[in-house]
């Protein structure tokens, strides 16, 4: 009985250690972006016309015009890391199934040839500031 309790305690401690390592905005796998500026990111959000399809919780931005609007920000069970948000921006199809020709079902434009690293870092900082951990 005592040994079972120890195994459970060690397992719980290991789980908390892994989750704790991932509780910040930094990605646990070593992915890093330059430090971004949230205000410049808000400007990039408008300049890149992200508001066309996205609203941001608690922000006064131009009104979306898309038929289906995706709200960004708000409460999440786990933190949105820099890597999570960057992947959502540069490879949005990673969340969608592909059709039989291999095409993305995401209507998001491809920014890989037009967005600068500075814009990306600032945009990630802006969006990062709009997420909070909690229910």
Protein backbone atom coordinates (compact mmCIF):
# COMPACT_ATOMS: atom_id res chain seq x y z
CA UNK A 1 0.00 0.00 0.00
CA UNK A 2 2.80 2.36 0.94
CA UNK A 3 4.67 1.61 -2.29
CA UNK A 4 1.55 2.31 -4.39
CA UNK A 5 1.19 5.71 -2.70
CA UNK A 6 4.82 6.50 -3.47
CA UNK A 7 4.41 5.52 -7.13
CA UNK A 8 1.30 7.70 -7.43
CA UNK A 9 3.07 10.63 -5.73
CA UNK A 10 6.11 10.34 -8.01
CA UNK A 11 3.86 10.11 -11.08
CA UNK A 12 1.89 13.16 -9.98
CA UNK A 13 5.09 15.13 -9.31
CA UNK A 14 6.46 14.22 -12.75
CA UNK A 15 3.22 15.26 -14.42
CA UNK A 16 3.18 18.59 -12.59
CA UNK A 17 6.83 19.18 -13.51
CA UNK A 18 6.10 18.64 -17.21
CA UNK A 19 2.98 20.81 -17.12
CA UNK A 20 4.81 23.45 -15.10
CA UNK A 21 7.55 23.66 -17.74
CA UNK A 22 4.91 24.53 -20.30
CA UNK A 23 3.04 27.13 -18.25
CA UNK A 24 4.66 30.20 -19.79
CA UNK A 25 4.53 31.78 -23.20
CA UNK A 26 7.81 30.18 -24.24
CA UNK A 27 7.55 26.94 -26.18
CA UNK A 28 9.03 23.98 -24.29
CA UNK A 29 10.84 22.54 -27.33
CA UNK A 30 13.25 25.46 -27.61
CA UNK A 31 11.40 27.44 -30.29
CA UNK A 32 12.05 31.15 -29.79
CA UNK A 33 11.03 34.39 -31.47
CA UNK A 34 12.64 37.77 -30.96
CA UNK A 35 10.87 39.76 -28.24
CA UNK A 36 7.83 41.37 -29.81
CA UNK A 37 6.02 44.63 -29.14
CA UNK A 38 2.29 44.14 -28.46
CA UNK A 39 1.32 47.64 -29.68
CA UNK A 40 3.22 47.13 -32.94
CA UNK A 41 1.51 43.72 -33.15
CA UNK A 42 -1.89 45.35 -32.90
CA UNK A 43 -0.88 47.61 -35.80
CA UNK A 44 0.33 44.56 -37.79
CA UNK A 45 -3.00 42.83 -37.07
CA UNK A 46 -4.77 45.78 -38.73
CA UNK A 47 -2.19 46.29 -41.52
CA UNK A 48 -2.33 42.61 -42.49
CA UNK A 49 -6.14 42.75 -42.36
CA UNK A 50 -6.36 39.90 -39.85
CA UNK A 51 -9.55 41.56 -38.56
CA UNK A 52 -11.28 40.49 -41.79
CA UNK A 53 -11.72 36.99 -40.33
CA UNK A 54 -10.71 37.41 -36.67
CA UNK A 55 -11.92 39.37 -33.70
CA UNK A 56 -9.80 39.67 -30.55
CA UNK A 57 -11.51 39.36 -27.19
CA UNK A 58 -11.76 42.74 -25.47
CA UNK A 59 -10.34 44.76 -28.39
CA UNK A 60 -11.91 47.54 -30.39
CA UNK A 61 -10.78 46.70 -33.94
CA UNK A 62 -12.37 47.08 -37.38
CA UNK A 63 -15.37 44.78 -37.73
CA UNK A 64 -14.78 41.37 -39.34
CA UNK A 65 -16.41 40.85 -42.72
CA UNK A 66 -16.01 37.07 -43.06
CA UNK A 67 -19.04 34.80 -42.87
CA UNK A 68 -17.38 32.81 -40.10
CA UNK A 69 -15.44 34.87 -37.56
CA UNK A 70 -12.84 33.27 -35.30
CA UNK A 71 -12.34 35.02 -31.96
CA UNK A 72 -8.79 35.07 -30.64
CA UNK A 73 -7.77 35.58 -27.03
CA UNK A 74 -9.63 34.70 -23.89
CA UNK A 75 -9.31 31.93 -21.37
CA UNK A 76 -7.57 28.65 -22.14
CA UNK A 77 -6.86 25.57 -20.04
CA UNK A 78 -3.21 25.58 -21.19
CA UNK A 79 -1.20 28.63 -22.20
CA UNK A 80 -0.83 29.56 -25.84
CA UNK A 81 2.91 29.42 -26.45
CA UNK A 82 4.89 31.43 -28.98
CA UNK A 83 5.16 28.24 -31.03
CA UNK A 84 1.40 27.61 -30.89
CA UNK A 85 0.54 31.09 -32.12
CA UNK A 86 3.32 31.16 -34.74
CA UNK A 87 2.13 27.82 -36.13
CA UNK A 88 -1.44 29.12 -36.24
CA UNK A 89 -0.24 32.11 -38.29
CA UNK A 90 2.22 30.52 -40.72
CA UNK A 91 0.67 27.06 -41.04
CA UNK A 92 -3.03 27.42 -40.21
CA UNK A 93 -3.87 24.25 -42.10
CA UNK A 94 -2.15 22.24 -39.36
CA UNK A 95 -5.50 22.35 -37.54
CA UNK A 96 -7.53 21.24 -40.54
CA UNK A 97 -7.80 18.05 -42.54
CA UNK A 98 -6.54 18.23 -46.10
CA UNK A 99 -8.59 17.22 -49.09
CA UNK A 100 -7.61 14.34 -51.37
CA UNK A 101 -5.41 16.66 -53.49
CA UNK A 102 -3.46 17.70 -50.39
CA UNK A 103 -4.88 21.22 -50.25
CA UNK A 104 -5.62 23.05 -47.04
CA UNK A 105 -9.16 23.59 -45.93
CA UNK A 106 -8.07 26.80 -44.18
CA UNK A 107 -9.15 30.00 -45.91
CA UNK A 108 -6.32 31.93 -44.22
CA UNK A 109 -3.90 33.57 -46.66
CA UNK A 110 -0.30 32.40 -46.91
CA UNK A 111 1.84 35.02 -45.13
CA UNK A 112 5.15 33.17 -45.47
CA UNK A 113 6.31 35.40 -48.34
CA UNK A 114 4.87 38.71 -47.17
CA UNK A 115 5.12 38.91 -43.38
CA UNK A 116 8.41 40.00 -41.85
CA UNK A 117 9.90 38.29 -38.81
CA UNK A 118 9.42 41.59 -36.92
CA UNK A 119 5.71 41.63 -37.81
CA UNK A 120 5.40 37.99 -36.76
CA UNK A 121 7.13 38.57 -33.41
CA UNK A 122 5.01 41.65 -32.74
CA UNK A 123 1.80 39.92 -33.79
CA UNK A 124 2.58 36.96 -31.53
CA UNK A 125 3.29 39.36 -28.62
CA UNK A 126 -0.04 41.12 -29.25
CA UNK A 127 -2.04 37.91 -29.38
CA UNK A 128 -0.12 36.42 -26.48
CA UNK A 129 -1.23 39.36 -24.34
CA UNK A 130 -4.88 38.52 -25.04
CA UNK A 131 -4.81 34.95 -23.70
CA UNK A 132 -5.04 33.94 -20.06
CA UNK A 133 -4.85 30.57 -18.35
CA UNK A 134 -7.94 29.60 -16.41
CA UNK A 135 -11.48 28.45 -16.88
